[in-house]
């Protein structure tokens, strides 16, 4: 059975609960997550605030779109070069 999917904002809120004074074990038990998951999130989003995490997510999405566009462009160039080479 798969667990709940948490948004980036939710992950940061959970990390801040532990920073506020609750123990990691208590936070994990309340949120029904493993300590391993908590520490993975902490390594990933440790000192980020929610606006920074949103910006990071937007930048990652934009980066992936740009990579796809570049790959499509390179593929078109290769196809055109191959067709051009066969004609002459």
PDB file of N, CA and C in Angstrom:
ATOM      1  N   UNK A   1       0.843  -1.178   0.000  1.00  0.00           N
ATOM      2  CA  UNK A   1       0.000   0.000   0.000  1.00  0.00           C
ATOM      3  C   UNK A   1       0.888   1.241   0.000  1.00  0.00           C
ATOM      4  N   UNK A   2       0.584   2.178  -0.887  1.00  0.00           N
ATOM      5  CA  UNK A   2       1.354   3.406  -0.941  1.00  0.00           C
ATOM      6  C   UNK A   2       0.863   4.387   0.107  1.00  0.00           C
ATOM      7  N   UNK A   3       1.794   5.168   0.613  1.00  0.00           N
ATOM      8  CA  UNK A   3       1.441   6.158   1.613  1.00  0.00           C
ATOM      9  C   UNK A   3       0.952   7.441   0.968  1.00  0.00           C
ATOM     10  N   UNK A   4       0.672   8.410   1.796  1.00  0.00           N
ATOM     11  CA  UNK A   4       0.205   9.706   1.330  1.00  0.00           C
ATOM     12  C   UNK A   4       1.347  10.448   0.653  1.00  0.00           C
ATOM     13  N   UNK A   5       1.031  11.175  -0.378  1.00  0.00           N
ATOM     14  CA  UNK A   5       2.014  12.016  -1.036  1.00  0.00           C
ATOM     15  C   UNK A   5       1.938  13.411  -0.427  1.00  0.00           C
ATOM     16  N   UNK A   6       3.052  13.898   0.048  1.00  0.00           N
ATOM     17  CA  UNK A   6       3.102  15.215   0.669  1.00  0.00           C
ATOM     18  C   UNK A   6       3.644  16.226  -0.333  1.00  0.00           C
ATOM     19  N   UNK A   7       3.076  17.426  -0.313  1.00  0.00           N
ATOM     20  CA  UNK A   7       3.600  18.499  -1.147  1.00  0.00           C
ATOM     21  C   UNK A   7       4.887  19.017  -0.516  1.00  0.00           C
ATOM     22  N   UNK A   8       5.619  19.779  -1.276  1.00  0.00           N
ATOM     23  CA  UNK A   8       6.856  20.367  -0.768  1.00  0.00           C
ATOM     24  C   UNK A   8       6.569  21.258   0.435  1.00  0.00           C
ATOM     25  N   UNK A   9       5.475  22.009   0.358  1.00  0.00           N
ATOM     26  CA  UNK A   9       5.110  22.891   1.466  1.00  0.00           C
ATOM     27  C   UNK A   9       4.793  22.090   2.727  1.00  0.00           C
ATOM     28  N   UNK A  10       4.098  20.961   2.555  1.00  0.00           N
ATOM     29  CA  UNK A  10       3.790  20.105   3.705  1.00  0.00           C
ATOM     30  C   UNK A  10       5.065  19.561   4.337  1.00  0.00           C
ATOM     31  N   UNK A  11       5.997  19.150   3.514  1.00  0.00           N
ATOM     32  CA  UNK A  11       7.260  18.606   4.021  1.00  0.00           C
ATOM     33  C   UNK A  11       7.997  19.647   4.851  1.00  0.00           C
ATOM     34  N   UNK A  12       8.024  20.873   4.351  1.00  0.00           N
ATOM     35  CA  UNK A  12       8.723  21.934   5.091  1.00  0.00           C
ATOM     36  C   UNK A  12       8.001  22.246   6.396  1.00  0.00           C
ATOM     37  N   UNK A  13       6.676  22.231   6.394  1.00  0.00           N
ATOM     38  CA  UNK A  13       5.918  22.461   7.634  1.00  0.00           C
ATOM     39  C   UNK A  13       6.227  21.377   8.667  1.00  0.00           C
ATOM     40  N   UNK A  14       6.322  20.139   8.209  1.00  0.00           N
ATOM     41  CA  UNK A  14       6.639  19.041   9.126  1.00  0.00           C
ATOM     42  C   UNK A  14       8.039  19.222   9.699  1.00  0.00           C
ATOM     43  N   UNK A  15       8.987  19.627   8.863  1.00  0.00           N
ATOM     44  CA  UNK A  15      10.342  19.874   9.355  1.00  0.00           C
ATOM     45  C   UNK A  15      10.365  20.999  10.378  1.00  0.00           C
ATOM     46  N   UNK A  16       9.555  22.039  10.159  1.00  0.00           N
ATOM     47  CA  UNK A  16       9.518  23.166  11.098  1.00  0.00           C
ATOM     48  C   UNK A  16       8.914  22.756  12.438  1.00  0.00           C
ATOM     49  N   UNK A  17       8.003  21.788  12.432  1.00  0.00           N
ATOM     50  CA  UNK A  17       7.446  21.304  13.700  1.00  0.00           C
ATOM     51  C   UNK A  17       8.549  20.723  14.574  1.00  0.00           C
ATOM     52  N   UNK A  18       9.459  19.986  13.953  1.00  0.00           N
ATOM     53  CA  UNK A  18      10.566  19.407  14.717  1.00  0.00           C
ATOM     54  C   UNK A  18      11.517  20.502  15.184  1.00  0.00           C
ATOM     55  N   UNK A  19      11.681  21.556  14.373  1.00  0.00           N
ATOM     56  CA  UNK A  19      12.539  22.671  14.776  1.00  0.00           C
ATOM     57  C   UNK A  19      11.933  23.466  15.927  1.00  0.00           C
ATOM     58  N   UNK A  20      10.605  23.430  16.033  1.00  0.00           N
ATOM     59  CA  UNK A  20       9.909  24.204  17.062  1.00  0.00           C
ATOM     60  C   UNK A  20      10.041  23.594  18.449  1.00  0.00           C
ATOM     61  N   UNK A  21      10.571  22.385  18.554  1.00  0.00           N
ATOM     62  CA  UNK A  21      10.777  21.826  19.873  1.00  0.00           C
ATOM     63  C   UNK A  21      10.271  20.407  20.061  1.00  0.00           C
ATOM     64  N   UNK A  22       9.402  19.954  19.192  1.00  0.00           N
ATOM     65  CA  UNK A  22       8.945  18.565  19.282  1.00  0.00           C
ATOM     66  C   UNK A  22      10.077  17.633  18.865  1.00  0.00           C
ATOM     67  N   UNK A  23      10.099  16.461  19.438  1.00  0.00           N
ATOM     68  CA  UNK A  23      11.144  15.517  19.036  1.00  0.00           C
ATOM     69  C   UNK A  23      10.796  14.924  17.670  1.00  0.00           C
ATOM     70  N   UNK A  24      11.823  14.465  16.982  1.00  0.00           N
ATOM     71  CA  UNK A  24      11.633  13.888  15.659  1.00  0.00           C
ATOM     72  C   UNK A  24      10.714  12.675  15.728  1.00  0.00           C
ATOM     73  N   UNK A  25      10.877  11.869  16.765  1.00  0.00           N
ATOM     74  CA  UNK A  25      10.049  10.668  16.925  1.00  0.00           C
ATOM     75  C   UNK A  25       8.580  11.046  17.072  1.00  0.00           C
ATOM     76  N   UNK A  26       8.287  12.083  17.860  1.00  0.00           N
ATOM     77  CA  UNK A  26       6.906  12.522  18.051  1.00  0.00           C
ATOM     78  C   UNK A  26       6.296  13.040  16.752  1.00  0.00           C
ATOM     79  N   UNK A  27       7.057  13.857  16.037  1.00  0.00           N
ATOM     80  CA  UNK A  27       6.565  14.405  14.774  1.00  0.00           C
ATOM     81  C   UNK A  27       6.285  13.283  13.780  1.00  0.00           C
ATOM     82  N   UNK A  28       7.192  12.328  13.692  1.00  0.00           N
ATOM     83  CA  UNK A  28       7.014  11.210  12.762  1.00  0.00           C
ATOM     84  C   UNK A  28       5.802  10.373  13.127  1.00  0.00           C
ATOM     85  N   UNK A  29       5.597  10.158  14.411  1.00  0.00           N
ATOM     86  CA  UNK A  29       4.463   9.359  14.854  1.00  0.00           C
ATOM     87  C   UNK A  29       3.151  10.086  14.565  1.00  0.00           C
ATOM     88  N   UNK A  30       3.104  11.408  14.824  1.00  0.00           N
ATOM     89  CA  UNK A  30       1.892  12.183  14.572  1.00  0.00           C
ATOM     90  C   UNK A  30       1.542  12.216  13.085  1.00  0.00           C
ATOM     91  N   UNK A  31       2.547  12.359  12.244  1.00  0.00           N
ATOM     92  CA  UNK A  31       2.327  12.481  10.798  1.00  0.00           C
ATOM     93  C   UNK A  31       2.336  11.141  10.074  1.00  0.00           C
ATOM     94  N   UNK A  32       2.616  10.082  10.805  1.00  0.00           N
ATOM     95  CA  UNK A  32       2.634   8.731  10.254  1.00  0.00           C
ATOM     96  C   UNK A  32       3.660   8.600   9.118  1.00  0.00           C
ATOM     97  N   UNK A  33       4.867   9.085   9.400  1.00  0.00           N
ATOM     98  CA  UNK A  33       5.973   8.922   8.460  1.00  0.00           C
ATOM     99  C   UNK A  33       7.127   8.259   9.196  1.00  0.00           C
ATOM    100  N   UNK A  34       8.044   7.665   8.454  1.00  0.00           N
ATOM    101  CA  UNK A  34       9.186   7.029   9.092  1.00  0.00           C
ATOM    102  C   UNK A  34      10.261   8.076   9.386  1.00  0.00           C
ATOM    103  N   UNK A  35      11.130   7.748  10.313  1.00  0.00           N
ATOM    104  CA  UNK A  35      12.229   8.653  10.623  1.00  0.00           C
ATOM    105  C   UNK A  35      13.162   8.789   9.425  1.00  0.00           C
ATOM    106  N   UNK A  36      13.304   7.727   8.677  1.00  0.00           N
ATOM    107  CA  UNK A  36      14.148   7.766   7.481  1.00  0.00           C
ATOM    108  C   UNK A  36      13.604   8.792   6.485  1.00  0.00           C
ATOM    109  N   UNK A  37      12.293   8.807   6.314  1.00  0.00           N
ATOM    110  CA  UNK A  37      11.667   9.787   5.427  1.00  0.00           C
ATOM    111  C   UNK A  37      11.906  11.188   5.943  1.00  0.00           C
ATOM    112  N   UNK A  38      11.749  11.377   7.244  1.00  0.00           N
ATOM    113  CA  UNK A  38      11.976  12.692   7.843  1.00  0.00           C
ATOM    114  C   UNK A  38      13.388  13.183   7.560  1.00  0.00           C
ATOM    115  N   UNK A  39      14.380  12.321   7.768  1.00  0.00           N
ATOM    116  CA  UNK A  39      15.767  12.732   7.572  1.00  0.00           C
ATOM    117  C   UNK A  39      16.081  12.967   6.090  1.00  0.00           C
ATOM    118  N   UNK A  40      15.434  12.213   5.206  1.00  0.00           N
ATOM    119  CA  UNK A  40      15.613  12.438   3.771  1.00  0.00           C
ATOM    120  C   UNK A  40      15.066  13.815   3.400  1.00  0.00           C
ATOM    121  N   UNK A  41      13.887  14.157   3.926  1.00  0.00           N
ATOM    122  CA  UNK A  41      13.310  15.470   3.675  1.00  0.00           C
ATOM    123  C   UNK A  41      14.188  16.567   4.252  1.00  0.00           C
ATOM    124  N   UNK A  42      14.739  16.304   5.429  1.00  0.00           N
ATOM    125  CA  UNK A  42      15.591  17.311   6.067  1.00  0.00           C
ATOM    126  C   UNK A  42      16.839  17.571   5.233  1.00  0.00           C
ATOM    127  N   UNK A  43      17.425  16.514   4.670  1.00  0.00           N
ATOM    128  CA  UNK A  43      18.593  16.668   3.810  1.00  0.00           C
ATOM    129  C   UNK A  43      18.215  17.431   2.537  1.00  0.00           C
ATOM    130  N   UNK A  44      17.008  17.188   2.039  1.00  0.00           N
ATOM    131  CA  UNK A  44      16.584  17.802   0.799  1.00  0.00           C
ATOM    132  C   UNK A  44      16.112  19.249   0.990  1.00  0.00           C
ATOM    133  N   UNK A  45      15.326  19.506   2.031  1.00  0.00           N
ATOM    134  CA  UNK A  45      14.705  20.815   2.219  1.00  0.00           C
ATOM    135  C   UNK A  45      15.120  21.499   3.508  1.00  0.00           C
ATOM    136  N   UNK A  46      16.180  21.053   4.136  1.00  0.00           N
ATOM    137  CA  UNK A  46      16.586  21.469   5.469  1.00  0.00           C
ATOM    138  C   UNK A  46      16.369  22.912   5.856  1.00  0.00           C
ATOM    139  N   UNK A  47      17.033  23.830   5.199  1.00  0.00           N
ATOM    140  CA  UNK A  47      16.978  25.226   5.623  1.00  0.00           C
ATOM    141  C   UNK A  47      16.087  26.074   4.724  1.00  0.00           C
ATOM    142  N   UNK A  48      15.303  25.451   3.872  1.00  0.00           N
ATOM    143  CA  UNK A  48      14.442  26.197   2.951  1.00  0.00           C
ATOM    144  C   UNK A  48      13.179  26.668   3.644  1.00  0.00           C
ATOM    145  N   UNK A  49      12.720  27.793   3.180  1.00  0.00           N
ATOM    146  CA  UNK A  49      11.407  28.286   3.582  1.00  0.00           C
ATOM    147  C   UNK A  49      10.435  27.954   2.449  1.00  0.00           C
ATOM    148  N   UNK A  50       9.148  28.078   2.713  1.00  0.00           N
ATOM    149  CA  UNK A  50       8.126  27.678   1.741  1.00  0.00           C
ATOM    150  C   UNK A  50       8.238  28.448   0.420  1.00  0.00           C
ATOM    151  N   UNK A  51       8.421  29.777   0.428  1.00  0.00           N
ATOM    152  CA  UNK A  51       8.551  30.471  -0.868  1.00  0.00           C
ATOM    153  C   UNK A  51       9.772  30.004  -1.674  1.00  0.00           C
ATOM    154  N   UNK A  52      10.860  29.716  -0.977  1.00  0.00           N
ATOM    155  CA  UNK A  52      12.051  29.219  -1.667  1.00  0.00           C
ATOM    156  C   UNK A  52      11.783  27.853  -2.297  1.00  0.00           C
ATOM    157  N   UNK A  53      11.054  27.009  -1.596  1.00  0.00           N
ATOM    158  CA  UNK A  53      10.737  25.680  -2.121  1.00  0.00           C
ATOM    159  C   UNK A  53       9.833  25.785  -3.349  1.00  0.00           C
ATOM    160  N   UNK A  54       8.880  26.695  -3.307  1.00  0.00           N
ATOM    161  CA  UNK A  54       8.011  26.894  -4.475  1.00  0.00           C
ATOM    162  C   UNK A  54       8.823  27.360  -5.668  1.00  0.00           C
ATOM    163  N   UNK A  55       9.738  28.286  -5.418  1.00  0.00           N
ATOM    164  CA  UNK A  55      10.587  28.799  -6.504  1.00  0.00           C
ATOM    165  C   UNK A  55      11.460  27.680  -7.066  1.00  0.00           C
ATOM    166  N   UNK A  56      12.017  26.853  -6.190  1.00  0.00           N
ATOM    167  CA  UNK A  56      12.836  25.731  -6.638  1.00  0.00           C
ATOM    168  C   UNK A  56      12.018  24.781  -7.506  1.00  0.00           C
ATOM    169  N   UNK A  57      10.805  24.490  -7.082  1.00  0.00           N
ATOM    170  CA  UNK A  57       9.943  23.585  -7.842  1.00  0.00           C
ATOM    171  C   UNK A  57       9.629  24.171  -9.217  1.00  0.00           C
ATOM    172  N   UNK A  58       9.336  25.470  -9.271  1.00  0.00           N
ATOM    173  CA  UNK A  58       9.061  26.131 -10.549  1.00  0.00           C
ATOM    174  C   UNK A  58      10.284  26.100 -11.457  1.00  0.00           C
ATOM    175  N   UNK A  59      11.456  26.355 -10.888  1.00  0.00           N
ATOM    176  CA  UNK A  59      12.684  26.345 -11.678  1.00  0.00           C
ATOM    177  C   UNK A  59      13.001  24.948 -12.211  1.00  0.00           C
ATOM    178  N   UNK A  60      12.757  23.937 -11.396  1.00  0.00           N
ATOM    179  CA  UNK A  60      12.984  22.561 -11.852  1.00  0.00           C
ATOM    180  C   UNK A  60      12.037  22.203 -12.994  1.00  0.00           C
ATOM    181  N   UNK A  61      10.788  22.624 -12.889  1.00  0.00           N
ATOM    182  CA  UNK A  61       9.800  22.364 -13.941  1.00  0.00           C
ATOM    183  C   UNK A  61      10.215  23.078 -15.244  1.00  0.00           C
ATOM    184  N   UNK A  62      10.625  24.340 -15.112  1.00  0.00           N
ATOM    185  CA  UNK A  62      11.061  25.099 -16.287  1.00  0.00           C
ATOM    186  C   UNK A  62      12.301  24.472 -16.915  1.00  0.00           C
ATOM    187  N   UNK A  63      13.217  24.029 -16.091  1.00  0.00           N
ATOM    188  CA  UNK A  63      14.438  23.399 -16.575  1.00  0.00           C
ATOM    189  C   UNK A  63      14.127  22.133 -17.371  1.00  0.00           C
ATOM    190  N   UNK A  64      13.211  21.317 -16.865  1.00  0.00           N
ATOM    191  CA  UNK A  64      12.861  20.083 -17.577  1.00  0.00           C
ATOM    192  C   UNK A  64      12.186  20.397 -18.910  1.00  0.00           C
ATOM    193  N   UNK A  65      11.341  21.437 -18.945  1.00  0.00           N
ATOM    194  CA  UNK A  65      10.702  21.831 -20.206  1.00  0.00           C
ATOM    195  C   UNK A  65      11.741  22.313 -21.212  1.00  0.00           C
ATOM    196  N   UNK A  66      12.711  23.083 -20.753  1.00  0.00           N
ATOM    197  CA  UNK A  66      13.759  23.575 -21.650  1.00  0.00           C
ATOM    198  C   UNK A  66      14.616  22.434 -22.181  1.00  0.00           C
ATOM    199  N   UNK A  67      14.890  21.444 -21.344  1.00  0.00           N
ATOM    200  CA  UNK A  67      15.650  20.282 -21.798  1.00  0.00           C
ATOM    201  C   UNK A  67      14.891  19.524 -22.876  1.00  0.00           C
ATOM    202  N   UNK A  68      13.589  19.375 -22.705  1.00  0.00           N
ATOM    203  CA  UNK A  68      12.768  18.697 -23.714  1.00  0.00           C
ATOM    204  C   UNK A  68      12.773  19.480 -25.018  1.00  0.00           C
ATOM    205  N   UNK A  69      12.656  20.800 -24.926  1.00  0.00           N
ATOM    206  CA  UNK A  69      12.668  21.631 -26.126  1.00  0.00           C
ATOM    207  C   UNK A  69      13.999  21.510 -26.855  1.00  0.00           C
ATOM    208  N   UNK A  70      15.085  21.505 -26.119  1.00  0.00           N
ATOM    209  CA  UNK A  70      16.405  21.363 -26.726  1.00  0.00           C
ATOM    210  C   UNK A  70      16.557  20.008 -27.391  1.00  0.00           C
ATOM    211  N   UNK A  71      16.090  18.958 -26.732  1.00  0.00           N
ATOM    212  CA  UNK A  71      16.174  17.619 -27.313  1.00  0.00           C
ATOM    213  C   UNK A  71      15.367  17.544 -28.600  1.00  0.00           C
ATOM    214  N   UNK A  72      14.165  18.123 -28.619  1.00  0.00           N
ATOM    215  CA  UNK A  72      13.348  18.138 -29.835  1.00  0.00           C
ATOM    216  C   UNK A  72      14.049  18.887 -30.959  1.00  0.00           C
ATOM    217  N   UNK A  73      14.645  20.014 -30.623  1.00  0.00           N
ATOM    218  CA  UNK A  73      15.345  20.812 -31.622  1.00  0.00           C
ATOM    219  C   UNK A  73      16.539  20.053 -32.201  1.00  0.00           C
ATOM    220  N   UNK A  74      17.304  19.407 -31.345  1.00  0.00           N
ATOM    221  CA  UNK A  74      18.453  18.629 -31.828  1.00  0.00           C
ATOM    222  C   UNK A  74      18.002  17.466 -32.703  1.00  0.00           C
ATOM    223  N   UNK A  75      16.905  16.832 -32.345  1.00  0.00           N
ATOM    224  CA  UNK A  75      16.378  15.731 -33.138  1.00  0.00           C
ATOM    225  C   UNK A  75      15.941  16.217 -34.520  1.00  0.00           C
ATOM    226  N   UNK A  76      15.267  17.360 -34.565  1.00  0.00           N
ATOM    227  CA  UNK A  76      14.845  17.925 -35.858  1.00  0.00           C
ATOM    228  C   UNK A  76      16.057  18.228 -36.727  1.00  0.00           C
ATOM    229  N   UNK A  77      17.097  18.790 -36.129  1.00  0.00           N
ATOM    230  CA  UNK A  77      18.312  19.102 -36.891  1.00  0.00           C
ATOM    231  C   UNK A  77      18.936  17.844 -37.460  1.00  0.00           C
ATOM    232  N   UNK A  78      18.998  16.783 -36.687  1.00  0.00           N
ATOM    233  CA  UNK A  78      19.582  15.529 -37.166  1.00  0.00           C
ATOM    234  C   UNK A  78      18.770  14.938 -38.310  1.00  0.00           C
ATOM    235  N   UNK A  79      17.444  14.992 -38.179  1.00  0.00           N
ATOM    236  CA  UNK A  79      16.579  14.465 -39.238  1.00  0.00           C
ATOM    237  C   UNK A  79      16.770  15.273 -40.514  1.00  0.00           C
ATOM    238  N   UNK A  80      16.795  16.593 -40.395  1.00  0.00           N
ATOM    239  CA  UNK A  80      16.987  17.446 -41.574  1.00  0.00           C
ATOM    240  C   UNK A  80      18.348  17.200 -42.212  1.00  0.00           C
ATOM    241  N   UNK A  81      19.372  17.031 -41.400  1.00  0.00           N
ATOM    242  CA  UNK A  81      20.700  16.740 -41.947  1.00  0.00           C
ATOM    243  C   UNK A  81      20.714  15.407 -42.678  1.00  0.00           C
ATOM    244  N   UNK A  82      20.035  14.421 -42.118  1.00  0.00           N
ATOM    245  CA  UNK A  82      19.991  13.096 -42.756  1.00  0.00           C
ATOM    246  C   UNK A  82      19.241  13.162 -44.078  1.00  0.00           C
ATOM    247  N   UNK A  83      18.126  13.862 -44.115  1.00  0.00           N
ATOM    248  CA  UNK A  83      17.355  13.993 -45.349  1.00  0.00           C
ATOM    249  C   UNK A  83      18.156  14.773 -46.383  1.00  0.00           C
ATOM    250  N   UNK A  84      18.806  15.824 -45.952  1.00  0.00           N
ATOM    251  CA  UNK A  84      19.615  16.629 -46.859  1.00  0.00           C
ATOM    252  C   UNK A  84      20.792  15.844 -47.414  1.00  0.00           C
ATOM    253  N   UNK A  85      21.400  15.007 -46.623  1.00  0.00           N
ATOM    254  CA  UNK A  85      22.537  14.202 -47.072  1.00  0.00           C
ATOM    255  C   UNK A  85      22.102  13.157 -48.110  1.00  0.00           C
ATOM    256  N   UNK A  86      20.906  12.640 -47.980  1.00  0.00           N
ATOM    257  CA  UNK A  86      20.419  11.627 -48.921  1.00  0.00           C
ATOM    258  C   UNK A  86      20.045  12.233 -50.258  1.00  0.00           C
ATOM    259  N   UNK A  87      19.559  13.464 -50.281  1.00  0.00           N
ATOM    260  CA  UNK A  87      19.130  14.085 -51.527  1.00  0.00           C
ATOM    261  C   UNK A  87      20.311  14.427 -52.425  1.00  0.00           C
ATOM    262  N   UNK A  88      21.430  14.770 -51.882  1.00  0.00           N
ATOM    263  CA  UNK A  88      22.557  15.220 -52.702  1.00  0.00           C
ATOM    264  C   UNK A  88      23.592  14.168 -52.676  1.00  0.00           C
TER     265      UNK A  88
END
